[in-house]
Amino acid sequence: MSDFRARWFAFHNRHIEPVSKEIFSHVEKMVIGTLIISAGAHVSSNEPSIVLFGYLRHGLVGRGVELFGIALLLLNFIDGFYKLAKLEWHVAFQIAMSLCYIILSVRLVQLILAFRGE
């Protein structure tokens, strides 16, 4: 029994743990990027009660925040795609994972904006 347990821990440490860390790292970065995009969309669509420096228009600041969030998502996507390409898996799987990432990112932005709705 202890031999099985030792082999399981070795397998887990070599294969499962690094993959789960990478997945959760990318999901965390994706959630942060979508929150930033949602915050920018909210600021640019509504006139918030907070005055930003007095001189800047809210729409302009909101668009800038959205562009920053989009840049973060794009960098995270490129990083994940590069790491996925190094694994030499089938191209169809890589395309499917890329589409899932894009669809999930857009859906998260929509979901966050829906929760924020008034």
Protein backbone atom coordinates (compact mmCIF):
# COMPACT_ATOMS: atom_id res chain seq x y z
CA MET A 1 0.00 0.00 0.00
CA SER A 2 2.80 2.43 0.82
CA ASP A 3 4.41 1.69 -2.56
CA PHE A 4 1.21 2.73 -4.32
CA ARG A 5 1.04 5.87 -2.21
CA ALA A 6 4.66 6.78 -2.97
CA ARG A 7 4.08 6.28 -6.71
CA TRP A 8 0.91 8.40 -6.55
CA PHE A 9 2.71 11.26 -4.80
CA ALA A 10 5.56 11.08 -7.29
CA PHE A 11 3.09 11.15 -10.20
CA HIS A 12 1.17 14.02 -8.60
CA ASN A 13 4.29 16.09 -7.99
CA ARG A 14 5.64 15.49 -11.49
CA HIS A 15 2.48 15.85 -13.60
CA ILE A 16 -0.66 17.08 -11.85
CA GLU A 17 0.68 19.84 -9.60
CA PRO A 18 2.54 21.85 -12.29
CA VAL A 19 -0.42 21.67 -14.68
CA SER A 20 -2.92 22.75 -12.04
CA LYS A 21 -0.69 25.66 -11.00
CA GLU A 22 -0.46 26.84 -14.61
CA ILE A 23 -4.21 26.54 -15.16
CA PHE A 24 -5.09 28.45 -12.00
CA SER A 25 -2.46 31.08 -12.76
CA HIS A 26 -3.95 31.73 -16.20
CA VAL A 27 -7.50 31.74 -14.85
CA GLU A 28 -6.49 34.22 -12.16
CA LYS A 29 -4.91 36.53 -14.74
CA MET A 30 -7.96 36.20 -16.97
CA VAL A 31 -10.33 37.13 -14.13
CA ILE A 32 -8.21 40.16 -13.24
CA GLY A 33 -8.15 41.28 -16.88
CA THR A 34 -11.90 40.89 -17.25
CA LEU A 35 -12.52 42.80 -14.02
CA ILE A 36 -10.39 45.65 -15.34
CA ILE A 37 -12.27 45.66 -18.65
CA SER A 38 -15.61 45.59 -16.84
CA ALA A 39 -14.57 48.48 -14.61
CA GLY A 40 -13.56 50.51 -17.66
CA ALA A 41 -16.81 49.69 -19.44
CA HIS A 42 -18.81 50.70 -16.39
CA VAL A 43 -16.98 54.02 -16.05
CA SER A 44 -17.34 54.85 -19.73
CA SER A 45 -21.03 53.89 -19.90
CA ASN A 46 -22.25 55.54 -16.67
CA GLU A 47 -21.40 58.86 -15.13
CA PRO A 48 -19.89 57.77 -11.79
CA SER A 49 -20.13 59.85 -8.66
CA ILE A 50 -16.34 59.97 -8.23
CA VAL A 51 -14.61 62.94 -9.89
CA LEU A 52 -11.37 61.87 -11.54
CA PHE A 53 -8.79 64.66 -11.30
CA GLY A 54 -11.44 67.18 -12.36
CA TYR A 55 -10.17 67.53 -15.93
CA LEU A 56 -10.50 64.11 -17.50
CA ARG A 57 -13.71 62.91 -19.07
CA HIS A 58 -15.03 59.66 -17.63
CA GLY A 59 -15.51 58.12 -21.06
CA LEU A 60 -11.88 58.74 -21.97
CA VAL A 61 -10.60 57.27 -18.71
CA GLY A 62 -12.96 54.30 -19.07
CA ARG A 63 -11.72 53.53 -22.58
CA GLY A 64 -8.13 53.72 -21.38
CA VAL A 65 -8.85 51.29 -18.56
CA GLU A 66 -10.60 48.96 -21.02
CA LEU A 67 -7.60 49.05 -23.36
CA PHE A 68 -5.30 48.25 -20.45
CA GLY A 69 -7.47 45.23 -19.53
CA ILE A 70 -7.57 44.07 -23.15
CA ALA A 71 -3.76 44.32 -23.32
CA LEU A 72 -3.48 42.20 -20.15
CA LEU A 73 -5.85 39.57 -21.56
CA LEU A 74 -3.97 39.54 -24.86
CA LEU A 75 -0.61 39.08 -23.15
CA ASN A 76 -2.04 36.29 -20.99
CA PHE A 77 -3.53 34.65 -24.08
CA ILE A 78 -0.23 34.82 -25.97
CA ASP A 79 1.66 33.42 -22.97
CA GLY A 80 -0.79 30.55 -22.61
CA PHE A 81 -0.80 29.84 -26.34
CA TYR A 82 3.00 29.79 -26.40
CA LYS A 83 3.13 27.33 -23.49
CA LEU A 84 0.44 25.20 -25.13
CA ALA A 85 2.36 25.16 -28.43
CA LYS A 86 5.48 23.87 -26.67
CA LEU A 87 3.55 20.77 -25.55
CA GLU A 88 3.21 19.63 -29.19
CA TRP A 89 -0.42 18.65 -28.86
CA HIS A 90 -2.74 18.45 -31.82
CA VAL A 91 -3.49 21.74 -33.59
CA ALA A 92 -7.24 21.19 -33.29
CA PHE A 93 -6.91 20.97 -29.50
CA GLN A 94 -4.87 24.19 -29.42
CA ILE A 95 -7.49 25.98 -31.52
CA ALA A 96 -10.29 24.66 -29.32
CA MET A 97 -8.48 25.83 -26.17
CA SER A 98 -7.92 29.27 -27.74
CA LEU A 99 -11.58 29.60 -28.65
CA CYS A 100 -12.61 28.53 -25.14
CA TYR A 101 -10.30 31.18 -23.68
CA ILE A 102 -11.74 33.94 -25.87
CA ILE A 103 -15.36 32.89 -25.29
CA LEU A 104 -14.81 32.59 -21.54
CA SER A 105 -13.17 36.02 -21.39
CA VAL A 106 -16.05 37.70 -23.21
CA ARG A 107 -18.61 35.87 -21.12
CA LEU A 108 -16.88 36.87 -17.88
CA VAL A 109 -16.99 40.54 -18.90
CA GLN A 110 -20.70 40.22 -19.68
CA LEU A 111 -21.36 38.43 -16.40
CA ILE A 112 -19.50 41.00 -14.32
CA LEU A 113 -21.34 43.86 -16.04
CA ALA A 114 -24.67 42.07 -15.46
CA PHE A 115 -23.93 41.70 -11.74
CA ARG A 116 -22.98 45.35 -11.59
CA GLY A 117 -26.21 46.41 -13.31
CA GLU A 118 -28.54 48.73 -11.51
